[in-house]
C-alpha cells in the first residue's frame, strides 16, 4: 500500500510540474507552485526529486531519446524518402505528439537548463539525416545551408502541429499533408 501511495505522489508531482512548466517555463516555475498544484508540501517534492532541474530532466528525458535511432533506421532502410517517412518516422513523430506538452516544454521552455539547445540539436539531427539521404539518393552534395533550411522548416512544422494540437486524427491529417508537401511537393496536395 505504501508503494502505491508513493507512486501516486510521484505521478502527481510529475503532472503538476508538467502543467507549471508548460504554462510558464523552467526559469519562471517555482517548486512552491508545483507543490501547490500537486496538493503537497513543497518539501515532499525533494523526497522524490533532488531539485527543480532533476524534476525538469524527468519530464523531458524520453521526448527525443529515440530520434537519432529512428533516423538511422530510416537511412538504412531501402526505398524512397516518402515511403520511409510513412513506414518508420511517422510513428515516432506521432509518439511525440502524444507527449506534445513534454515536447513543447523541452523545445520552447527549457532556457536555463542543460536542454536549452534542444531545438538546435533536433534541427542538427534532421539536417544530417537530410544530407545522408540526399547523398544516397542522388550522389550530390549541396551547400550545407540547403539541408539546414529544410531541417529548420521541418522542425518548425512539427512544433506548430504540437503547439496547435486539436486531436490525434487532426495531427495525423496535418502530418500527412506536411509530409506529402515536404517529400512530394505542393502539386501532390
N, C-alpha and C. Protein backbone atom coordinates (compact mmCIF):
# COMPACT_ATOMS: atom_id res chain seq x y z
N UNK A 1 0.81 -1.19 0.00
CA UNK A 1 0.00 0.00 0.00
C UNK A 1 0.86 1.26 0.00
N UNK A 2 1.95 1.25 0.75
CA UNK A 2 2.82 2.43 0.83
C UNK A 2 3.44 2.73 -0.53
N UNK A 3 3.82 1.68 -1.28
CA UNK A 3 4.42 1.89 -2.60
C UNK A 3 3.41 2.52 -3.56
N UNK A 4 2.16 2.10 -3.48
CA UNK A 4 1.11 2.66 -4.34
C UNK A 4 0.97 4.15 -4.05
N UNK A 5 0.98 4.53 -2.78
CA UNK A 5 0.88 5.93 -2.40
C UNK A 5 2.09 6.71 -2.90
N UNK A 6 3.29 6.13 -2.77
CA UNK A 6 4.50 6.78 -3.27
C UNK A 6 4.40 7.02 -4.77
N UNK A 7 3.95 6.01 -5.49
CA UNK A 7 3.82 6.13 -6.94
C UNK A 7 2.79 7.20 -7.30
N UNK A 8 1.69 7.23 -6.55
CA UNK A 8 0.64 8.23 -6.81
C UNK A 8 1.18 9.64 -6.58
N UNK A 9 1.94 9.83 -5.53
CA UNK A 9 2.50 11.15 -5.24
C UNK A 9 3.50 11.54 -6.32
N UNK A 10 4.34 10.61 -6.72
CA UNK A 10 5.32 10.87 -7.78
C UNK A 10 4.61 11.30 -9.07
N UNK A 11 3.54 10.63 -9.43
CA UNK A 11 2.76 10.97 -10.62
C UNK A 11 2.14 12.36 -10.47
N UNK A 12 1.60 12.67 -9.28
CA UNK A 12 1.01 14.00 -9.04
C UNK A 12 2.07 15.09 -9.18
N UNK A 13 3.25 14.83 -8.65
CA UNK A 13 4.34 15.81 -8.78
C UNK A 13 4.70 15.99 -10.25
N UNK A 14 4.86 14.89 -10.96
CA UNK A 14 5.21 14.94 -12.38
C UNK A 14 4.17 15.74 -13.16
N UNK A 15 2.90 15.38 -13.01
CA UNK A 15 1.82 16.04 -13.76
C UNK A 15 1.72 17.52 -13.39
N UNK A 16 1.87 17.83 -12.12
CA UNK A 16 1.81 19.23 -11.67
C UNK A 16 2.99 20.02 -12.23
N UNK A 17 4.17 19.43 -12.19
CA UNK A 17 5.35 20.10 -12.73
C UNK A 17 5.20 20.31 -14.24
N UNK A 18 4.70 19.31 -14.93
CA UNK A 18 4.48 19.44 -16.36
C UNK A 18 3.52 20.60 -16.64
N UNK A 19 2.44 20.68 -15.89
CA UNK A 19 1.48 21.78 -16.07
C UNK A 19 2.14 23.14 -15.84
N UNK A 20 2.89 23.25 -14.75
CA UNK A 20 3.51 24.53 -14.41
C UNK A 20 4.59 24.89 -15.43
N UNK A 21 5.46 23.94 -15.79
CA UNK A 21 6.49 24.22 -16.80
C UNK A 21 5.85 24.58 -18.14
N UNK A 22 4.75 23.93 -18.49
CA UNK A 22 4.06 24.19 -19.74
C UNK A 22 3.42 25.58 -19.74
N UNK A 23 2.82 25.96 -18.62
CA UNK A 23 2.19 27.28 -18.53
C UNK A 23 3.22 28.40 -18.48
N UNK A 24 4.33 28.13 -17.83
CA UNK A 24 5.35 29.16 -17.66
C UNK A 24 6.58 28.75 -18.48
N UNK A 25 7.62 28.39 -17.81
CA UNK A 25 8.84 27.82 -18.37
C UNK A 25 9.70 27.41 -17.19
N UNK A 26 10.86 26.83 -17.47
CA UNK A 26 11.72 26.35 -16.39
C UNK A 26 12.09 27.48 -15.42
N UNK A 27 12.56 28.58 -15.97
CA UNK A 27 13.04 29.68 -15.12
C UNK A 27 11.93 30.26 -14.24
N UNK A 28 10.75 30.42 -14.79
CA UNK A 28 9.65 31.08 -14.07
C UNK A 28 8.94 30.17 -13.08
N UNK A 29 8.97 28.88 -13.33
CA UNK A 29 8.27 27.93 -12.45
C UNK A 29 8.97 27.84 -11.10
N UNK A 30 8.17 27.70 -10.05
CA UNK A 30 8.76 27.51 -8.72
C UNK A 30 8.31 26.17 -8.15
N UNK A 31 9.11 25.66 -7.26
CA UNK A 31 8.76 24.40 -6.60
C UNK A 31 7.49 24.60 -5.75
N UNK A 32 7.32 25.78 -5.22
CA UNK A 32 6.12 26.08 -4.43
C UNK A 32 4.86 25.96 -5.30
N UNK A 33 4.92 26.50 -6.51
CA UNK A 33 3.77 26.40 -7.42
C UNK A 33 3.47 24.95 -7.78
N UNK A 34 4.52 24.19 -8.00
CA UNK A 34 4.35 22.77 -8.34
C UNK A 34 3.73 22.02 -7.16
N UNK A 35 4.23 22.28 -5.97
CA UNK A 35 3.69 21.64 -4.77
C UNK A 35 2.23 22.03 -4.55
N UNK A 36 1.93 23.30 -4.70
CA UNK A 36 0.55 23.76 -4.53
C UNK A 36 -0.38 23.05 -5.51
N UNK A 37 0.04 22.96 -6.75
CA UNK A 37 -0.78 22.30 -7.77
C UNK A 37 -0.96 20.81 -7.45
N UNK A 38 0.09 20.18 -6.91
CA UNK A 38 0.03 18.76 -6.54
C UNK A 38 -0.71 18.54 -5.23
N UNK A 39 -0.92 19.61 -4.46
CA UNK A 39 -1.59 19.49 -3.17
C UNK A 39 -0.73 18.82 -2.11
N UNK A 40 0.56 19.11 -2.15
CA UNK A 40 1.50 18.52 -1.19
C UNK A 40 2.42 19.61 -0.64
N UNK A 41 3.08 19.35 0.48
CA UNK A 41 4.07 20.30 0.98
C UNK A 41 5.28 20.36 0.01
N UNK A 42 5.84 21.53 -0.12
CA UNK A 42 6.98 21.70 -1.03
C UNK A 42 8.12 20.74 -0.70
N UNK A 43 8.40 20.55 0.57
CA UNK A 43 9.50 19.68 0.98
C UNK A 43 9.34 18.25 0.51
N UNK A 44 8.10 17.80 0.31
CA UNK A 44 7.87 16.42 -0.14
C UNK A 44 8.40 16.19 -1.55
N UNK A 45 8.41 17.22 -2.37
CA UNK A 45 8.95 17.07 -3.73
C UNK A 45 10.40 16.61 -3.66
N UNK A 46 11.14 17.14 -2.68
CA UNK A 46 12.55 16.82 -2.57
C UNK A 46 12.79 15.38 -2.10
N UNK A 47 11.77 14.69 -1.65
CA UNK A 47 11.89 13.27 -1.35
C UNK A 47 11.90 12.44 -2.63
N UNK A 48 11.42 13.04 -3.70
CA UNK A 48 11.31 12.34 -4.99
C UNK A 48 12.30 12.87 -6.03
N UNK A 49 12.60 14.14 -5.96
CA UNK A 49 13.49 14.78 -6.94
C UNK A 49 14.47 15.68 -6.20
N UNK A 50 15.73 15.59 -6.58
CA UNK A 50 16.80 16.32 -5.90
C UNK A 50 16.54 17.83 -5.91
N UNK A 51 16.08 18.33 -7.06
CA UNK A 51 15.84 19.77 -7.22
C UNK A 51 14.96 20.00 -8.45
N UNK A 52 14.73 21.26 -8.76
CA UNK A 52 13.86 21.59 -9.90
C UNK A 52 14.45 21.07 -11.20
N UNK A 53 15.76 21.13 -11.34
CA UNK A 53 16.41 20.65 -12.56
C UNK A 53 16.20 19.15 -12.74
N UNK A 54 16.32 18.39 -11.67
CA UNK A 54 16.11 16.93 -11.77
C UNK A 54 14.66 16.62 -12.14
N UNK A 55 13.74 17.40 -11.62
CA UNK A 55 12.33 17.23 -11.96
C UNK A 55 12.10 17.57 -13.43
N UNK A 56 12.69 18.64 -13.90
CA UNK A 56 12.59 19.03 -15.31
C UNK A 56 13.18 17.94 -16.20
N UNK A 57 14.36 17.43 -15.81
CA UNK A 57 15.01 16.35 -16.57
C UNK A 57 14.10 15.14 -16.71
N UNK A 58 13.41 14.80 -15.64
CA UNK A 58 12.49 13.66 -15.66
C UNK A 58 11.38 13.89 -16.69
N UNK A 59 10.89 15.09 -16.77
CA UNK A 59 9.79 15.41 -17.68
C UNK A 59 10.23 15.32 -19.14
N UNK A 60 11.41 15.81 -19.46
CA UNK A 60 11.83 15.87 -20.87
C UNK A 60 12.69 14.68 -21.30
N UNK A 61 13.05 13.83 -20.38
CA UNK A 61 14.01 12.75 -20.64
C UNK A 61 13.69 11.89 -21.86
N UNK A 62 12.48 11.46 -21.99
CA UNK A 62 12.17 10.49 -23.05
C UNK A 62 11.68 11.11 -24.35
N UNK A 63 11.61 12.43 -24.41
CA UNK A 63 10.98 13.06 -25.56
C UNK A 63 11.71 12.78 -26.88
N UNK A 64 13.01 13.00 -26.95
CA UNK A 64 13.68 12.77 -28.23
C UNK A 64 14.81 11.75 -28.14
N UNK A 65 14.83 10.96 -27.09
CA UNK A 65 15.90 9.97 -26.96
C UNK A 65 16.00 9.02 -28.14
N UNK A 66 14.88 8.63 -28.70
CA UNK A 66 14.89 7.64 -29.78
C UNK A 66 14.96 8.27 -31.16
N UNK A 67 15.02 9.58 -31.24
CA UNK A 67 15.01 10.22 -32.54
C UNK A 67 16.23 9.85 -33.39
N UNK A 68 17.46 9.91 -32.85
CA UNK A 68 18.61 9.52 -33.67
C UNK A 68 18.50 8.07 -34.17
N UNK A 69 18.03 7.20 -33.31
CA UNK A 69 17.85 5.79 -33.67
C UNK A 69 16.83 5.63 -34.80
N UNK A 70 15.75 6.40 -34.74
CA UNK A 70 14.71 6.35 -35.77
C UNK A 70 15.26 6.84 -37.11
N UNK A 71 16.01 7.93 -37.09
CA UNK A 71 16.58 8.46 -38.33
C UNK A 71 17.59 7.49 -38.93
N UNK A 72 18.39 6.87 -38.09
CA UNK A 72 19.39 5.90 -38.58
C UNK A 72 18.69 4.71 -39.24
N UNK A 73 17.62 4.23 -38.62
CA UNK A 73 16.86 3.12 -39.19
C UNK A 73 16.31 3.50 -40.56
N UNK A 74 15.81 4.72 -40.68
CA UNK A 74 15.28 5.19 -41.97
C UNK A 74 16.40 5.26 -43.01
N UNK A 75 17.57 5.72 -42.60
CA UNK A 75 18.70 5.83 -43.53
C UNK A 75 19.14 4.46 -44.03
N UNK A 76 19.02 3.45 -43.19
CA UNK A 76 19.49 2.10 -43.54
C UNK A 76 18.44 1.28 -44.28
N UNK A 77 17.22 1.77 -44.35
CA UNK A 77 16.12 1.04 -44.99
C UNK A 77 16.05 1.42 -46.46
N UNK A 78 15.97 0.44 -47.36
CA UNK A 78 15.85 0.78 -48.78
C UNK A 78 14.49 1.41 -49.09
N UNK A 79 14.45 2.19 -50.15
CA UNK A 79 13.21 2.80 -50.58
C UNK A 79 13.33 4.29 -50.70
N UNK A 80 12.25 4.93 -51.14
CA UNK A 80 12.29 6.38 -51.29
C UNK A 80 11.99 7.06 -49.95
N UNK A 81 12.34 8.32 -49.87
CA UNK A 81 12.25 9.07 -48.61
C UNK A 81 10.81 9.14 -48.08
N UNK A 82 9.84 9.34 -48.95
CA UNK A 82 8.46 9.45 -48.51
C UNK A 82 7.98 8.13 -47.90
N UNK A 83 8.26 7.01 -48.57
CA UNK A 83 7.85 5.70 -48.05
C UNK A 83 8.51 5.40 -46.71
N UNK A 84 9.78 5.77 -46.57
CA UNK A 84 10.48 5.55 -45.30
C UNK A 84 9.89 6.44 -44.20
N UNK A 85 9.51 7.65 -44.58
CA UNK A 85 8.88 8.53 -43.61
C UNK A 85 7.58 7.89 -43.10
N UNK A 86 6.76 7.41 -44.02
CA UNK A 86 5.48 6.82 -43.66
C UNK A 86 5.67 5.56 -42.82
N UNK A 87 6.62 4.71 -43.20
CA UNK A 87 6.77 3.42 -42.52
C UNK A 87 7.61 3.47 -41.25
N UNK A 88 8.46 4.47 -41.09
CA UNK A 88 9.37 4.49 -39.94
C UNK A 88 9.24 5.76 -39.10
N UNK A 89 9.40 6.89 -39.71
CA UNK A 89 9.50 8.15 -38.97
C UNK A 89 8.15 8.65 -38.45
N UNK A 90 7.10 8.42 -39.20
CA UNK A 90 5.77 8.93 -38.82
C UNK A 90 5.33 8.42 -37.45
N UNK A 91 5.55 7.15 -37.19
CA UNK A 91 5.16 6.56 -35.90
C UNK A 91 5.87 7.26 -34.74
N UNK A 92 7.16 7.52 -34.91
CA UNK A 92 7.91 8.22 -33.87
C UNK A 92 7.35 9.63 -33.65
N UNK A 93 7.08 10.34 -34.74
CA UNK A 93 6.56 11.71 -34.63
C UNK A 93 5.18 11.72 -33.98
N UNK A 94 4.34 10.77 -34.32
CA UNK A 94 3.02 10.70 -33.67
C UNK A 94 3.18 10.44 -32.18
N UNK A 95 4.21 9.69 -31.81
CA UNK A 95 4.51 9.49 -30.39
C UNK A 95 4.92 10.81 -29.72
N UNK A 96 5.65 11.65 -30.46
CA UNK A 96 5.98 12.98 -29.93
C UNK A 96 4.71 13.79 -29.69
N UNK A 97 3.76 13.68 -30.60
CA UNK A 97 2.51 14.42 -30.43
C UNK A 97 1.72 13.89 -29.23
N UNK A 98 1.85 12.59 -28.94
CA UNK A 98 1.20 12.04 -27.75
C UNK A 98 1.80 12.64 -26.48
N UNK A 99 3.07 13.04 -26.56
CA UNK A 99 3.76 13.68 -25.44
C UNK A 99 4.06 15.15 -25.80
N UNK A 100 3.11 15.77 -26.46
CA UNK A 100 3.33 17.11 -27.02
C UNK A 100 3.67 18.14 -25.95
N UNK A 101 3.07 18.04 -24.78
CA UNK A 101 3.39 19.04 -23.76
C UNK A 101 4.85 18.90 -23.32
N UNK A 102 5.31 17.67 -23.14
CA UNK A 102 6.71 17.45 -22.81
C UNK A 102 7.62 17.96 -23.93
N UNK A 103 7.22 17.70 -25.18
CA UNK A 103 7.96 18.14 -26.36
C UNK A 103 8.04 19.67 -26.39
N UNK A 104 6.94 20.33 -26.17
CA UNK A 104 6.91 21.80 -26.18
C UNK A 104 7.73 22.35 -25.01
N UNK A 105 7.62 21.74 -23.85
CA UNK A 105 8.42 22.18 -22.70
C UNK A 105 9.90 22.05 -23.03
N UNK A 106 10.29 20.93 -23.62
CA UNK A 106 11.70 20.72 -23.99
C UNK A 106 12.18 21.78 -24.98
N UNK A 107 11.40 22.01 -26.02
CA UNK A 107 11.85 22.89 -27.10
C UNK A 107 11.66 24.38 -26.77
N UNK A 108 10.52 24.73 -26.22
CA UNK A 108 10.18 26.15 -26.04
C UNK A 108 10.43 26.69 -24.63
N UNK A 109 10.54 25.84 -23.64
CA UNK A 109 10.51 26.32 -22.26
C UNK A 109 11.68 25.83 -21.41
N UNK A 110 12.79 25.52 -22.07
CA UNK A 110 13.91 24.92 -21.34
C UNK A 110 15.09 25.87 -21.12
N UNK A 111 14.92 27.15 -21.41
CA UNK A 111 16.00 28.11 -21.18
C UNK A 111 16.44 28.03 -19.72
N UNK A 112 17.74 28.03 -19.52
CA UNK A 112 18.27 27.94 -18.17
C UNK A 112 18.58 26.52 -17.73
N UNK A 113 18.36 25.56 -18.62
CA UNK A 113 18.68 24.16 -18.31
C UNK A 113 19.72 23.65 -19.30
N UNK A 114 20.20 22.45 -19.05
CA UNK A 114 21.14 21.83 -19.99
C UNK A 114 20.46 21.46 -21.30
N UNK A 115 19.14 21.58 -21.35
CA UNK A 115 18.37 21.24 -22.54
C UNK A 115 18.05 22.45 -23.40
N UNK A 116 18.60 23.61 -23.06
CA UNK A 116 18.21 24.84 -23.75
C UNK A 116 18.53 24.82 -25.24
N UNK A 117 19.41 23.97 -25.69
CA UNK A 117 19.74 23.86 -27.11
C UNK A 117 19.02 22.71 -27.80
N UNK A 118 17.95 22.21 -27.22
CA UNK A 118 17.26 21.03 -27.76
C UNK A 118 16.73 21.25 -29.18
N UNK A 119 16.18 22.42 -29.44
CA UNK A 119 15.65 22.68 -30.78
C UNK A 119 16.78 22.67 -31.80
N UNK A 120 17.87 23.31 -31.48
CA UNK A 120 19.02 23.34 -32.39
C UNK A 120 19.57 21.94 -32.61
N UNK A 121 19.58 21.13 -31.56
CA UNK A 121 20.06 19.75 -31.69
C UNK A 121 19.11 18.93 -32.58
N UNK A 122 17.82 19.13 -32.42
CA UNK A 122 16.86 18.44 -33.26
C UNK A 122 17.04 18.84 -34.73
N UNK A 123 17.22 20.13 -34.98
CA UNK A 123 17.47 20.60 -36.34
C UNK A 123 18.75 19.98 -36.88
N UNK A 124 19.79 19.93 -36.06
CA UNK A 124 21.06 19.34 -36.49
C UNK A 124 20.91 17.87 -36.88
N UNK A 125 20.17 17.11 -36.07
CA UNK A 125 19.95 15.70 -36.37
C UNK A 125 19.20 15.53 -37.69
N UNK A 126 18.17 16.33 -37.88
CA UNK A 126 17.39 16.24 -39.13
C UNK A 126 18.24 16.71 -40.31
N UNK A 127 19.03 17.73 -40.10
CA UNK A 127 19.92 18.25 -41.14
C UNK A 127 20.89 17.15 -41.61
N UNK A 128 21.51 16.46 -40.67
CA UNK A 128 22.43 15.38 -41.03
C UNK A 128 21.69 14.25 -41.75
N UNK A 129 20.49 13.95 -41.30
CA UNK A 129 19.66 12.92 -41.94
C UNK A 129 19.36 13.31 -43.39
N UNK A 130 19.04 14.55 -43.62
CA UNK A 130 18.75 15.02 -44.97
C UNK A 130 20.00 14.90 -45.85
N UNK A 131 21.14 15.31 -45.33
CA UNK A 131 22.40 15.21 -46.10
C UNK A 131 22.67 13.77 -46.51
N UNK A 132 22.55 12.85 -45.55
CA UNK A 132 22.80 11.44 -45.84
C UNK A 132 21.81 10.92 -46.88
N UNK A 133 20.55 11.27 -46.72
CA UNK A 133 19.52 10.79 -47.64
C UNK A 133 19.73 11.32 -49.05
N UNK A 134 20.06 12.60 -49.17
CA UNK A 134 20.30 13.18 -50.50
C UNK A 134 21.53 12.54 -51.14
N UNK A 135 22.57 12.39 -50.37
CA UNK A 135 23.81 11.80 -50.90
C UNK A 135 23.56 10.37 -51.38
N UNK A 136 22.80 9.59 -50.61
CA UNK A 136 22.47 8.21 -51.01
C UNK A 136 21.64 8.18 -52.27
N UNK A 137 20.66 9.05 -52.35
CA UNK A 137 19.70 9.05 -53.46
C UNK A 137 20.31 9.59 -54.74
N UNK A 138 21.04 10.70 -54.64
CA UNK A 138 21.49 11.39 -55.85
C UNK A 138 23.00 11.38 -56.03
N UNK A 139 23.73 11.14 -54.98
CA UNK A 139 25.18 11.25 -55.04
C UNK A 139 25.66 12.70 -54.97
N UNK A 140 24.72 13.63 -54.96
CA UNK A 140 25.06 15.06 -54.97
C UNK A 140 25.27 15.58 -53.54
N UNK A 141 26.08 16.60 -53.46
CA UNK A 141 26.26 17.31 -52.20
C UNK A 141 25.92 18.78 -52.46
N UNK A 142 25.04 19.31 -51.62
CA UNK A 142 24.62 20.70 -51.76
C UNK A 142 25.22 21.51 -50.63
N UNK A 143 25.14 22.81 -50.77
CA UNK A 143 25.58 23.71 -49.71
C UNK A 143 24.87 23.31 -48.42
N UNK A 144 25.59 23.29 -47.31
CA UNK A 144 25.03 22.89 -46.02
C UNK A 144 23.80 23.72 -45.63
N UNK A 145 23.74 24.95 -46.10
CA UNK A 145 22.60 25.79 -45.78
C UNK A 145 21.29 25.20 -46.30
N UNK A 146 21.34 24.53 -47.44
CA UNK A 146 20.14 23.92 -48.00
C UNK A 146 19.55 22.89 -47.03
N UNK A 147 20.37 21.99 -46.52
CA UNK A 147 19.91 20.99 -45.55
C UNK A 147 19.44 21.66 -44.27
N UNK A 148 20.12 22.70 -43.87
CA UNK A 148 19.74 23.42 -42.65
C UNK A 148 18.36 24.07 -42.81
N UNK A 149 18.11 24.67 -43.95
CA UNK A 149 16.80 25.30 -44.20
C UNK A 149 15.70 24.25 -44.17
N UNK A 150 15.92 23.14 -44.86
CA UNK A 150 14.91 22.07 -44.88
C UNK A 150 14.67 21.53 -43.47
N UNK A 151 15.73 21.31 -42.73
CA UNK A 151 15.60 20.76 -41.38
C UNK A 151 14.89 21.75 -40.46
N UNK A 152 15.22 23.03 -40.57
CA UNK A 152 14.57 24.04 -39.75
C UNK A 152 13.09 24.14 -40.05
N UNK A 153 12.75 24.11 -41.33
CA UNK A 153 11.34 24.17 -41.72
C UNK A 153 10.58 22.94 -41.23
N UNK A 154 11.19 21.78 -41.36
CA UNK A 154 10.54 20.54 -40.93
C UNK A 154 10.32 20.56 -39.42
N UNK A 155 11.34 20.95 -38.68
CA UNK A 155 11.24 21.02 -37.22
C UNK A 155 10.17 21.99 -36.78
N UNK A 156 10.16 23.17 -37.38
CA UNK A 156 9.15 24.17 -37.01
C UNK A 156 7.75 23.69 -37.37
N UNK A 157 7.62 22.95 -38.45
CA UNK A 157 6.31 22.39 -38.83
C UNK A 157 5.83 21.40 -37.76
N UNK A 158 6.71 20.54 -37.29
CA UNK A 158 6.35 19.60 -36.23
C UNK A 158 5.92 20.35 -34.96
N UNK A 159 6.66 21.38 -34.64
CA UNK A 159 6.34 22.17 -33.45
C UNK A 159 5.00 22.87 -33.58
N UNK A 160 4.70 23.38 -34.74
CA UNK A 160 3.41 24.04 -34.95
C UNK A 160 2.25 23.06 -34.79
N UNK A 161 2.42 21.84 -35.29
CA UNK A 161 1.38 20.83 -35.09
C UNK A 161 1.22 20.55 -33.60
N UNK A 162 2.33 20.41 -32.89
CA UNK A 162 2.26 20.15 -31.44
C UNK A 162 1.64 21.31 -30.69
N UNK A 163 2.02 22.53 -31.05
CA UNK A 163 1.52 23.72 -30.34
C UNK A 163 0.02 23.93 -30.56
N UNK A 164 -0.48 23.56 -31.72
CA UNK A 164 -1.88 23.81 -32.06
C UNK A 164 -2.72 22.54 -32.07
N UNK A 165 -2.23 21.52 -31.44
CA UNK A 165 -2.84 20.20 -31.42
C UNK A 165 -4.33 20.27 -31.07
N UNK A 166 -5.15 19.60 -31.90
CA UNK A 166 -6.59 19.54 -31.66
C UNK A 166 -7.04 18.14 -31.29
N UNK A 167 -6.49 17.14 -31.97
CA UNK A 167 -6.84 15.75 -31.70
C UNK A 167 -5.82 14.87 -32.43
N UNK A 168 -5.83 13.60 -32.08
CA UNK A 168 -4.91 12.67 -32.75
C UNK A 168 -5.20 12.63 -34.25
N UNK A 169 -6.47 12.55 -34.59
CA UNK A 169 -6.85 12.48 -36.00
C UNK A 169 -6.40 13.72 -36.75
N UNK A 170 -6.59 14.87 -36.14
CA UNK A 170 -6.16 16.13 -36.74
C UNK A 170 -4.64 16.14 -36.94
N UNK A 171 -3.90 15.69 -35.93
CA UNK A 171 -2.43 15.66 -36.03
C UNK A 171 -1.98 14.74 -37.14
N UNK A 172 -2.63 13.58 -37.28
CA UNK A 172 -2.29 12.65 -38.37
C UNK A 172 -2.54 13.33 -39.71
N UNK A 173 -3.68 13.99 -39.84
CA UNK A 173 -4.02 14.67 -41.09
C UNK A 173 -2.99 15.76 -41.41
N UNK A 174 -2.65 16.57 -40.42
CA UNK A 174 -1.68 17.65 -40.63
C UNK A 174 -0.30 17.09 -40.97
N UNK A 175 0.10 16.04 -40.27
CA UNK A 175 1.40 15.42 -40.54
C UNK A 175 1.43 14.83 -41.95
N UNK A 176 0.35 14.19 -42.36
CA UNK A 176 0.28 13.63 -43.71
C UNK A 176 0.36 14.73 -44.77
N UNK A 177 -0.37 15.82 -44.56
CA UNK A 177 -0.30 16.94 -45.51
C UNK A 177 1.11 17.52 -45.56
N UNK A 178 1.69 17.71 -44.39
CA UNK A 178 3.04 18.26 -44.32
C UNK A 178 4.04 17.35 -45.03
N UNK A 179 3.95 16.05 -44.76
CA UNK A 179 4.88 15.10 -45.36
C UNK A 179 4.71 15.03 -46.88
N UNK A 180 3.47 15.02 -47.34
CA UNK A 180 3.24 14.99 -48.79
C UNK A 180 3.84 16.22 -49.44
N UNK A 181 3.61 17.37 -48.83
CA UNK A 181 4.17 18.60 -49.39
C UNK A 181 5.69 18.57 -49.31
N UNK A 182 6.22 18.17 -48.19
CA UNK A 182 7.66 18.17 -47.95
C UNK A 182 8.38 17.20 -48.90
N UNK A 183 7.84 16.00 -49.05
CA UNK A 183 8.52 14.97 -49.85
C UNK A 183 8.10 14.95 -51.32
N UNK A 184 6.85 15.31 -51.61
CA UNK A 184 6.34 15.15 -52.97
C UNK A 184 6.03 16.48 -53.66
N UNK A 185 6.04 17.57 -52.91
CA UNK A 185 5.79 18.88 -53.48
C UNK A 185 4.34 19.31 -53.37
N UNK A 186 4.12 20.60 -53.58
CA UNK A 186 2.77 21.14 -53.42
C UNK A 186 1.80 20.61 -54.45
N UNK A 187 2.26 20.11 -55.57
CA UNK A 187 1.34 19.56 -56.58
C UNK A 187 0.71 18.25 -56.10
N UNK A 188 1.23 17.67 -55.04
CA UNK A 188 0.66 16.40 -54.52
C UNK A 188 -0.54 16.64 -53.62
N UNK A 189 -0.81 17.89 -53.28
CA UNK A 189 -1.90 18.18 -52.34
C UNK A 189 -3.25 18.23 -52.99
